[in-house]
Amino acid sequence: AAFENEVKNAREAGAQILRTVCSGGRRYEVFHSAAAF
């Protein structure tokens, strides 16, 4: 629901494209095993 509200407002502002990331950190700093990745 919160995601939808952000998408709706971004579209109202004229944004056709929304960039995102799946991880907020760098792979070699955040994950310490193959299982974690």
PDB file of all heavy atoms in Angstrom:
ATOM      1  N   ALA A   1       0.829  -1.216   0.000  1.00  0.00           N
ATOM      2  CA  ALA A   1       0.000   0.000   0.000  1.00  0.00           C
ATOM      3  C   ALA A   1       0.858   1.258   0.000  1.00  0.00           C
ATOM      4  O   ALA A   1       0.580   2.212  -0.747  1.00  0.00           O
ATOM      5  CB  ALA A   1      -0.944  -0.010   1.201  1.00  0.00           C
ATOM      6  N   ALA A   2       1.906   1.263   0.831  1.00  0.00           N
ATOM      7  CA  ALA A   2       2.801   2.423   0.867  1.00  0.00           C
ATOM      8  C   ALA A   2       3.549   2.564  -0.456  1.00  0.00           C
ATOM      9  O   ALA A   2       3.737   3.678  -0.961  1.00  0.00           O
ATOM     10  CB  ALA A   2       3.790   2.288   2.026  1.00  0.00           C
ATOM     11  N   PHE A   3       3.963   1.438  -1.019  1.00  0.00           N
ATOM     12  CA  PHE A   3       4.629   1.459  -2.327  1.00  0.00           C
ATOM     13  C   PHE A   3       3.699   2.043  -3.387  1.00  0.00           C
ATOM     14  O   PHE A   3       4.101   2.891  -4.193  1.00  0.00           O
ATOM     15  CB  PHE A   3       5.067   0.046  -2.698  1.00  0.00           C
ATOM     16  CG  PHE A   3       5.711  -0.074  -4.050  1.00  0.00           C
ATOM     17  CD1 PHE A   3       7.026   0.303  -4.244  1.00  0.00           C
ATOM     18  CD2 PHE A   3       4.990  -0.559  -5.144  1.00  0.00           C
ATOM     19  CE1 PHE A   3       7.628   0.199  -5.501  1.00  0.00           C
ATOM     20  CE2 PHE A   3       5.577  -0.670  -6.396  1.00  0.00           C
ATOM     21  CZ  PHE A   3       6.902  -0.293  -6.569  1.00  0.00           C
ATOM     22  N   GLU A   4       2.451   1.622  -3.379  1.00  0.00           N
ATOM     23  CA  GLU A   4       1.493   2.122  -4.357  1.00  0.00           C
ATOM     24  C   GLU A   4       1.309   3.632  -4.224  1.00  0.00           C
ATOM     25  O   GLU A   4       1.227   4.350  -5.224  1.00  0.00           O
ATOM     26  CB  GLU A   4       0.146   1.411  -4.204  1.00  0.00           C
ATOM     27  CG  GLU A   4      -0.901   1.930  -5.173  1.00  0.00           C
ATOM     28  CD  GLU A   4      -2.186   1.111  -5.187  1.00  0.00           C
ATOM     29  OE1 GLU A   4      -2.294   0.156  -4.404  1.00  0.00           O
ATOM     30  OE2 GLU A   4      -3.084   1.439  -5.990  1.00  0.00           O
ATOM     31  N   ASN A   5       1.247   4.126  -3.008  1.00  0.00           N
ATOM     32  CA  ASN A   5       1.078   5.563  -2.809  1.00  0.00           C
ATOM     33  C   ASN A   5       2.261   6.336  -3.379  1.00  0.00           C
ATOM     34  O   ASN A   5       2.087   7.401  -4.005  1.00  0.00           O
ATOM     35  CB  ASN A   5       0.907   5.871  -1.324  1.00  0.00           C
ATOM     36  CG  ASN A   5       0.474   7.297  -1.078  1.00  0.00           C
ATOM     37  OD1 ASN A   5      -0.551   7.749  -1.572  1.00  0.00           O
ATOM     38  ND2 ASN A   5       1.288   8.028  -0.320  1.00  0.00           N
ATOM     39  N   GLU A   6       3.473   5.800  -3.198  1.00  0.00           N
ATOM     40  CA  GLU A   6       4.659   6.463  -3.737  1.00  0.00           C
ATOM     41  C   GLU A   6       4.655   6.438  -5.263  1.00  0.00           C
ATOM     42  O   GLU A   6       5.004   7.430  -5.915  1.00  0.00           O
ATOM     43  CB  GLU A   6       5.927   5.819  -3.173  1.00  0.00           C
ATOM     44  CG  GLU A   6       6.126   6.103  -1.695  1.00  0.00           C
ATOM     45  CD  GLU A   6       7.394   5.485  -1.131  1.00  0.00           C
ATOM     46  OE1 GLU A   6       8.201   4.943  -1.915  1.00  0.00           O
ATOM     47  OE2 GLU A   6       7.583   5.545   0.098  1.00  0.00           O
ATOM     48  N   VAL A   7       4.266   5.315  -5.849  1.00  0.00           N
ATOM     49  CA  VAL A   7       4.189   5.217  -7.301  1.00  0.00           C
ATOM     50  C   VAL A   7       3.162   6.219  -7.839  1.00  0.00           C
ATOM     51  O   VAL A   7       3.407   6.935  -8.815  1.00  0.00           O
ATOM     52  CB  VAL A   7       3.820   3.784  -7.732  1.00  0.00           C
ATOM     53  CG1 VAL A   7       3.498   3.726  -9.232  1.00  0.00           C
ATOM     54  CG2 VAL A   7       4.953   2.816  -7.398  1.00  0.00           C
ATOM     55  N   LYS A   8       1.993   6.275  -7.193  1.00  0.00           N
ATOM     56  CA  LYS A   8       0.924   7.178  -7.625  1.00  0.00           C
ATOM     57  C   LYS A   8       1.387   8.632  -7.593  1.00  0.00           C
ATOM     58  O   LYS A   8       1.167   9.396  -8.547  1.00  0.00           O
ATOM     59  CB  LYS A   8      -0.303   6.991  -6.739  1.00  0.00           C
ATOM     60  CG  LYS A   8      -1.499   7.848  -7.136  1.00  0.00           C
ATOM     61  CD  LYS A   8      -2.726   7.503  -6.313  1.00  0.00           C
ATOM     62  CE  LYS A   8      -2.543   7.892  -4.854  1.00  0.00           C
ATOM     63  NZ  LYS A   8      -3.817   7.715  -4.087  1.00  0.00           N
ATOM     64  N   ASN A   9       2.048   9.038  -6.512  1.00  0.00           N
ATOM     65  CA  ASN A   9       2.499  10.419  -6.398  1.00  0.00           C
ATOM     66  C   ASN A   9       3.626  10.725  -7.382  1.00  0.00           C
ATOM     67  O   ASN A   9       3.686  11.826  -7.952  1.00  0.00           O
ATOM     68  CB  ASN A   9       2.942  10.705  -4.970  1.00  0.00           C
ATOM     69  CG  ASN A   9       1.767  10.810  -4.014  1.00  0.00           C
ATOM     70  OD1 ASN A   9       0.649  11.131  -4.425  1.00  0.00           O
ATOM     71  ND2 ASN A   9       1.993  10.528  -2.745  1.00  0.00           N
ATOM     72  N   ALA A  10       4.515   9.758  -7.589  1.00  0.00           N
ATOM     73  CA  ALA A  10       5.595   9.966  -8.554  1.00  0.00           C
ATOM     74  C   ALA A  10       5.026  10.141  -9.956  1.00  0.00           C
ATOM     75  O   ALA A  10       5.475  11.000 -10.732  1.00  0.00           O
ATOM     76  CB  ALA A  10       6.559   8.788  -8.513  1.00  0.00           C
ATOM     77  N   ARG A  11       4.017   9.359 -10.283  1.00  0.00           N
ATOM     78  CA  ARG A  11       3.392   9.472 -11.591  1.00  0.00           C
ATOM     79  C   ARG A  11       2.693  10.821 -11.735  1.00  0.00           C
ATOM     80  O   ARG A  11       2.732  11.449 -12.800  1.00  0.00           O
ATOM     81  CB  ARG A  11       2.380   8.335 -11.802  1.00  0.00           C
ATOM     82  CG  ARG A  11       1.837   8.254 -13.233  1.00  0.00           C
ATOM     83  CD  ARG A  11       0.776   7.176 -13.327  1.00  0.00           C
ATOM     84  NE  ARG A  11       0.426   6.843 -14.706  1.00  0.00           N
ATOM     85  CZ  ARG A  11      -0.429   7.516 -15.457  1.00  0.00           C
ATOM     86  NH1 ARG A  11      -1.017   8.598 -14.967  1.00  0.00           N
ATOM     87  NH2 ARG A  11      -0.686   7.131 -16.692  1.00  0.00           N
ATOM     88  N   GLU A  12       2.052  11.269 -10.691  1.00  0.00           N
ATOM     89  CA  GLU A  12       1.403  12.579 -10.727  1.00  0.00           C
ATOM     90  C   GLU A  12       2.432  13.676 -10.991  1.00  0.00           C
ATOM     91  O   GLU A  12       2.130  14.670 -11.654  1.00  0.00           O
ATOM     92  CB  GLU A  12       0.678  12.842  -9.413  1.00  0.00           C
ATOM     93  CG  GLU A  12       0.068  14.229  -9.280  1.00  0.00           C
ATOM     94  CD  GLU A  12      -1.063  14.479 -10.276  1.00  0.00           C
ATOM     95  OE1 GLU A  12      -1.597  13.514 -10.874  1.00  0.00           O
ATOM     96  OE2 GLU A  12      -1.421  15.659 -10.457  1.00  0.00           O
ATOM     97  N   ALA A  13       3.656  13.504 -10.493  1.00  0.00           N
ATOM     98  CA  ALA A  13       4.713  14.493 -10.727  1.00  0.00           C
ATOM     99  C   ALA A  13       5.275  14.424 -12.142  1.00  0.00           C
ATOM    100  O   ALA A  13       6.011  15.320 -12.559  1.00  0.00           O
ATOM    101  CB  ALA A  13       5.841  14.291  -9.718  1.00  0.00           C
ATOM    102  N   GLY A  14       4.937  13.355 -12.864  1.00  0.00           N
ATOM    103  CA  GLY A  14       5.421  13.218 -14.235  1.00  0.00           C
ATOM    104  C   GLY A  14       6.511  12.196 -14.413  1.00  0.00           C
ATOM    105  O   GLY A  14       7.122  12.119 -15.490  1.00  0.00           O
ATOM    106  N   ALA A  15       6.795  11.404 -13.372  1.00  0.00           N
ATOM    107  CA  ALA A  15       7.839  10.383 -13.481  1.00  0.00           C
ATOM    108  C   ALA A  15       7.290   9.163 -14.215  1.00  0.00           C
ATOM    109  O   ALA A  15       6.320   8.556 -13.777  1.00  0.00           O
ATOM    110  CB  ALA A  15       8.342   9.981 -12.096  1.00  0.00           C
ATOM    111  N   GLN A  16       7.911   8.817 -15.307  1.00  0.00           N
ATOM    112  CA  GLN A  16       7.563   7.612 -16.048  1.00  0.00           C
ATOM    113  C   GLN A  16       8.378   6.418 -15.578  1.00  0.00           C
ATOM    114  O   GLN A  16       8.006   5.273 -15.813  1.00  0.00           O
ATOM    115  CB  GLN A  16       7.834   7.802 -17.537  1.00  0.00           C
ATOM    116  CG  GLN A  16       6.949   8.807 -18.235  1.00  0.00           C
ATOM    117  CD  GLN A  16       7.383   8.965 -19.669  1.00  0.00           C
ATOM    118  OE1 GLN A  16       8.318   9.700 -19.959  1.00  0.00           O
ATOM    119  NE2 GLN A  16       6.727   8.262 -20.567  1.00  0.00           N
ATOM    120  N   ILE A  17       9.534   6.710 -14.966  1.00  0.00           N
ATOM    121  CA  ILE A  17      10.498   5.672 -14.596  1.00  0.00           C
ATOM    122  C   ILE A  17      10.898   5.872 -13.148  1.00  0.00           C
ATOM    123  O   ILE A  17      11.178   6.994 -12.703  1.00  0.00           O
ATOM    124  CB  ILE A  17      11.744   5.743 -15.503  1.00  0.00           C
ATOM    125  CG1 ILE A  17      11.359   5.412 -16.955  1.00  0.00           C
ATOM    126  CG2 ILE A  17      12.842   4.795 -15.016  1.00  0.00           C
ATOM    127  CD1 ILE A  17      12.434   5.702 -17.959  1.00  0.00           C
ATOM    128  N   LEU A  18      10.931   4.767 -12.417  1.00  0.00           N
ATOM    129  CA  LEU A  18      11.362   4.773 -11.024  1.00  0.00           C
ATOM    130  C   LEU A  18      12.550   3.833 -10.876  1.00  0.00           C
ATOM    131  O   LEU A  18      12.436   2.642 -11.145  1.00  0.00           O
ATOM    132  CB  LEU A  18      10.227   4.319 -10.105  1.00  0.00           C
ATOM    133  CG  LEU A  18       8.948   5.153 -10.153  1.00  0.00           C
ATOM    134  CD1 LEU A  18       7.860   4.494  -9.316  1.00  0.00           C
ATOM    135  CD2 LEU A  18       9.217   6.569  -9.663  1.00  0.00           C
ATOM    136  N   ARG A  19      13.662   4.378 -10.454  1.00  0.00           N
ATOM    137  CA  ARG A  19      14.851   3.553 -10.202  1.00  0.00           C
ATOM    138  C   ARG A  19      14.746   2.933  -8.825  1.00  0.00           C
ATOM    139  O   ARG A  19      14.239   3.530  -7.875  1.00  0.00           O
ATOM    140  CB  ARG A  19      16.094   4.421 -10.330  1.00  0.00           C
ATOM    141  CG  ARG A  19      17.390   3.826  -9.786  1.00  0.00           C
ATOM    142  CD  ARG A  19      17.668   4.338  -8.397  1.00  0.00           C
ATOM    143  NE  ARG A  19      18.949   3.883  -7.852  1.00  0.00           N
ATOM    144  CZ  ARG A  19      19.318   4.072  -6.587  1.00  0.00           C
ATOM    145  NH1 ARG A  19      18.511   4.696  -5.739  1.00  0.00           N
ATOM    146  NH2 ARG A  19      20.485   3.644  -6.153  1.00  0.00           N
ATOM    147  N   THR A  20      15.225   1.693  -8.691  1.00  0.00           N
ATOM    148  CA  THR A  20      15.240   1.037  -7.393  1.00  0.00           C
ATOM    149  C   THR A  20      16.496   0.205  -7.241  1.00  0.00           C
ATOM    150  O   THR A  20      17.232  -0.021  -8.217  1.00  0.00           O
ATOM    151  CB  THR A  20      13.985   0.157  -7.197  1.00  0.00           C
ATOM    152  OG1 THR A  20      13.865  -0.184  -5.821  1.00  0.00           O
ATOM    153  CG2 THR A  20      14.060  -1.117  -8.028  1.00  0.00           C
ATOM    154  N   VAL A  21      16.756  -0.248  -6.025  1.00  0.00           N
ATOM    155  CA  VAL A  21      17.849  -1.181  -5.751  1.00  0.00           C
ATOM    156  C   VAL A  21      17.286  -2.342  -4.943  1.00  0.00           C
ATOM    157  O   VAL A  21      16.321  -2.183  -4.200  1.00  0.00           O
ATOM    158  CB  VAL A  21      19.013  -0.523  -4.989  1.00  0.00           C
ATOM    159  CG1 VAL A  21      19.631   0.595  -5.803  1.00  0.00           C
ATOM    160  CG2 VAL A  21      18.571   0.001  -3.628  1.00  0.00           C
ATOM    161  N   CYS A  22      17.898  -3.494  -5.118  1.00  0.00           N
ATOM    162  CA  CYS A  22      17.488  -4.667  -4.331  1.00  0.00           C
ATOM    163  C   CYS A  22      18.287  -4.774  -3.041  1.00  0.00           C
ATOM    164  O   CYS A  22      17.820  -5.371  -2.065  1.00  0.00           O
ATOM    165  CB  CYS A  22      17.643  -5.935  -5.160  1.00  0.00           C
ATOM    166  SG  CYS A  22      16.495  -6.017  -6.553  1.00  0.00           S
ATOM    167  N   SER A  23      19.484  -4.226  -3.026  1.00  0.00           N
ATOM    168  CA  SER A  23      20.303  -4.203  -1.814  1.00  0.00           C
ATOM    169  C   SER A  23      20.819  -2.793  -1.597  1.00  0.00           C
ATOM    170  O   SER A  23      21.302  -2.153  -2.535  1.00  0.00           O
ATOM    171  CB  SER A  23      21.493  -5.162  -1.929  1.00  0.00           C
ATOM    172  OG  SER A  23      22.398  -4.986  -0.851  1.00  0.00           O
ATOM    173  N   GLY A  24      20.729  -2.318  -0.372  1.00  0.00           N
ATOM    174  CA  GLY A  24      21.222  -0.979  -0.066  1.00  0.00           C
ATOM    175  C   GLY A  24      22.720  -0.930   0.143  1.00  0.00           C
ATOM    176  O   GLY A  24      23.291   0.150   0.287  1.00  0.00           O
ATOM    177  N   GLY A  25      23.381  -2.099   0.153  1.00  0.00           N
ATOM    178  CA  GLY A  25      24.818  -2.136   0.406  1.00  0.00           C
ATOM    179  C   GLY A  25      25.566  -2.862  -0.685  1.00  0.00           C
ATOM    180  O   GLY A  25      24.980  -3.367  -1.642  1.00  0.00           O
ATOM    181  N   ARG A  26      26.887  -2.907  -0.535  1.00  0.00           N
ATOM    182  CA  ARG A  26      27.740  -3.571  -1.515  1.00  0.00           C
ATOM    183  C   ARG A  26      27.841  -5.055  -1.185  1.00  0.00           C
ATOM    184  O   ARG A  26      28.035  -5.432  -0.037  1.00  0.00           O
ATOM    185  CB  ARG A  26      29.119  -2.908  -1.511  1.00  0.00           C
ATOM    186  CG  ARG A  26      29.030  -1.406  -1.780  1.00  0.00           C
ATOM    187  CD  ARG A  26      30.348  -0.665  -1.589  1.00  0.00           C
ATOM    188  NE  ARG A  26      30.073   0.764  -1.617  1.00  0.00           N
ATOM    189  CZ  ARG A  26      30.257   1.592  -0.598  1.00  0.00           C
ATOM    190  NH1 ARG A  26      30.755   1.134   0.557  1.00  0.00           N
ATOM    191  NH2 ARG A  26      29.954   2.862  -0.704  1.00  0.00           N
ATOM    192  N   ARG A  27      27.738  -5.858  -2.203  1.00  0.00           N
ATOM    193  CA  ARG A  27      27.658  -7.311  -2.050  1.00  0.00           C
ATOM    194  C   ARG A  27      28.743  -7.873  -1.141  1.00  0.00           C
ATOM    195  O   ARG A  27      28.484  -8.680  -0.246  1.00  0.00           O
ATOM    196  CB  ARG A  27      27.770  -7.941  -3.445  1.00  0.00           C
ATOM    197  CG  ARG A  27      27.812  -9.451  -3.489  1.00  0.00           C
ATOM    198  CD  ARG A  27      27.741  -9.898  -4.931  1.00  0.00           C
ATOM    199  NE  ARG A  27      27.762 -11.324  -5.118  1.00  0.00           N
ATOM    200  CZ  ARG A  27      27.345 -11.920  -6.220  1.00  0.00           C
ATOM    201  NH1 ARG A  27      26.882 -11.206  -7.225  1.00  0.00           N
ATOM    202  NH2 ARG A  27      27.406 -13.236  -6.340  1.00  0.00           N
ATOM    203  N   TYR A  28      29.968  -7.438  -1.345  1.00  0.00           N
ATOM    204  CA  TYR A  28      31.121  -7.991  -0.626  1.00  0.00           C
ATOM    205  C   TYR A  28      31.230  -7.447   0.799  1.00  0.00           C
ATOM    206  O   TYR A  28      32.061  -7.917   1.567  1.00  0.00           O
ATOM    207  CB  TYR A  28      32.414  -7.714  -1.406  1.00  0.00           C
ATOM    208  CG  TYR A  28      32.505  -6.297  -1.935  1.00  0.00           C
ATOM    209  CD1 TYR A  28      33.043  -5.264  -1.183  1.00  0.00           C
ATOM    210  CD2 TYR A  28      32.006  -5.997  -3.208  1.00  0.00           C
ATOM    211  CE1 TYR A  28      33.093  -3.980  -1.667  1.00  0.00           C
ATOM    212  CE2 TYR A  28      32.056  -4.703  -3.697  1.00  0.00           C
ATOM    213  CZ  TYR A  28      32.603  -3.697  -2.932  1.00  0.00           C
ATOM    214  OH  TYR A  28      32.646  -2.404  -3.408  1.00  0.00           O
ATOM    215  N   GLU A  29      30.402  -6.481   1.140  1.00  0.00           N
ATOM    216  CA  GLU A  29      30.364  -5.958   2.506  1.00  0.00           C
ATOM    217  C   GLU A  29      29.145  -6.446   3.279  1.00  0.00           C
ATOM    218  O   GLU A  29      29.198  -6.599   4.502  1.00  0.00           O
ATOM    219  CB  GLU A  29      30.370  -4.423   2.481  1.00  0.00           C
ATOM    220  CG  GLU A  29      31.643  -3.823   1.920  1.00  0.00           C
ATOM    221  CD  GLU A  29      31.583  -2.319   1.749  1.00  0.00           C
ATOM    222  OE1 GLU A  29      30.485  -1.733   1.887  1.00  0.00           O
ATOM    223  OE2 GLU A  29      32.628  -1.712   1.456  1.00  0.00           O
ATOM    224  N   VAL A  30      28.043  -6.707   2.562  1.00  0.00           N
ATOM    225  CA  VAL A  30      26.772  -7.054   3.208  1.00  0.00           C
ATOM    226  C   VAL A  30      26.614  -8.557   3.400  1.00  0.00           C
ATOM    227  O   VAL A  30      26.124  -9.015   4.445  1.00  0.00           O
ATOM    228  CB  VAL A  30      25.594  -6.500   2.387  1.00  0.00           C
ATOM    229  CG1 VAL A  30      24.259  -6.992   2.943  1.00  0.00           C
ATOM    230  CG2 VAL A  30      25.635  -4.973   2.367  1.00  0.00           C
ATOM    231  N   PHE A  31      27.026  -9.329   2.405  1.00  0.00           N
ATOM    232  CA  PHE A  31      26.783 -10.780   2.424  1.00  0.00           C
ATOM    233  C   PHE A  31      28.098 -11.528   2.670  1.00  0.00           C
ATOM    234  O   PHE A  31      29.111 -11.232   2.031  1.00  0.00           O
ATOM    235  CB  PHE A  31      26.160 -11.231   1.099  1.00  0.00           C
ATOM    236  CG  PHE A  31      24.922 -10.469   0.743  1.00  0.00           C
ATOM    237  CD1 PHE A  31      24.920  -9.585  -0.334  1.00  0.00           C
ATOM    238  CD2 PHE A  31      23.756 -10.606   1.480  1.00  0.00           C
ATOM    239  CE1 PHE A  31      23.792  -8.862  -0.670  1.00  0.00           C
ATOM    240  CE2 PHE A  31      22.613  -9.888   1.154  1.00  0.00           C
ATOM    241  CZ  PHE A  31      22.632  -9.012   0.087  1.00  0.00           C
ATOM    242  N   HIS A  32      28.037 -12.510   3.566  1.00  0.00           N
ATOM    243  CA  HIS A  32      29.272 -13.187   3.982  1.00  0.00           C
ATOM    244  C   HIS A  32      29.245 -14.686   3.735  1.00  0.00           C
ATOM    245  O   HIS A  32      30.094 -15.416   4.234  1.00  0.00           O
ATOM    246  CB  HIS A  32      29.539 -12.892   5.455  1.00  0.00           C
ATOM    247  CG  HIS A  32      29.628 -11.427   5.750  1.00  0.00           C
ATOM    248  ND1 HIS A  32      30.684 -10.636   5.331  1.00  0.00           N
ATOM    249  CD2 HIS A  32      28.766 -10.583   6.386  1.00  0.00           C
ATOM    250  CE1 HIS A  32      30.486  -9.387   5.710  1.00  0.00           C
ATOM    251  NE2 HIS A  32      29.320  -9.325   6.350  1.00  0.00           N
ATOM    252  N   SER A  33      28.263 -15.129   2.945  1.00  0.00           N
ATOM    253  CA  SER A  33      28.211 -16.538   2.572  1.00  0.00           C
ATOM    254  C   SER A  33      27.389 -16.673   1.301  1.00  0.00           C
ATOM    255  O   SER A  33      26.568 -15.793   0.973  1.00  0.00           O
ATOM    256  CB  SER A  33      27.574 -17.384   3.676  1.00  0.00           C
ATOM    257  OG  SER A  33      26.198 -17.086   3.795  1.00  0.00           O
ATOM    258  N   ALA A  34      27.594 -17.773   0.584  1.00  0.00           N
ATOM    259  CA  ALA A  34      26.800 -18.028  -0.612  1.00  0.00           C
ATOM    260  C   ALA A  34      25.325 -18.151  -0.271  1.00  0.00           C
ATOM    261  O   ALA A  34      24.461 -17.689  -1.017  1.00  0.00           O
ATOM    262  CB  ALA A  34      27.306 -19.299  -1.293  1.00  0.00           C
ATOM    263  N   ALA A  35      25.036 -18.769   0.879  1.00  0.00           N
ATOM    264  CA  ALA A  35      23.634 -18.940   1.288  1.00  0.00           C
ATOM    265  C   ALA A  35      22.966 -17.587   1.518  1.00  0.00           C
ATOM    266  O   ALA A  35      21.801 -17.393   1.146  1.00  0.00           O
ATOM    267  CB  ALA A  35      23.561 -19.785   2.548  1.00  0.00           C
ATOM    268  N   ALA A  36      23.683 -16.650   2.128  1.00  0.00           N
ATOM    269  CA  ALA A  36      23.119 -15.317   2.379  1.00  0.00           C
ATOM    270  C   ALA A  36      22.792 -14.618   1.068  1.00  0.00           C
ATOM    271  O   ALA A  36      21.751 -13.956   0.940  1.00  0.00           O
ATOM    272  CB  ALA A  36      24.081 -14.482   3.205  1.00  0.00           C
ATOM    273  N   PHE A  37      23.656 -14.781   0.077  1.00  0.00           N
ATOM    274  CA  PHE A  37      23.381 -14.133  -1.208  1.00  0.00           C
ATOM    275  C   PHE A  37      22.216 -14.808  -1.925  1.00  0.00           C
ATOM    276  O   PHE A  37      21.407 -14.141  -2.568  1.00  0.00           O
ATOM    277  CB  PHE A  37      24.624 -14.121  -2.093  1.00  0.00           C
ATOM    278  CG  PHE A  37      24.444 -13.283  -3.323  1.00  0.00           C
ATOM    279  CD1 PHE A  37      24.389 -11.902  -3.235  1.00  0.00           C
ATOM    280  CD2 PHE A  37      24.286 -13.866  -4.568  1.00  0.00           C
ATOM    281  CE1 PHE A  37      24.194 -11.108  -4.359  1.00  0.00           C
ATOM    282  CE2 PHE A  37      24.093 -13.097  -5.709  1.00  0.00           C
ATOM    283  CZ  PHE A  37      24.054 -11.712  -5.598  1.00  0.00           C
TER     284      PHE A  37
END
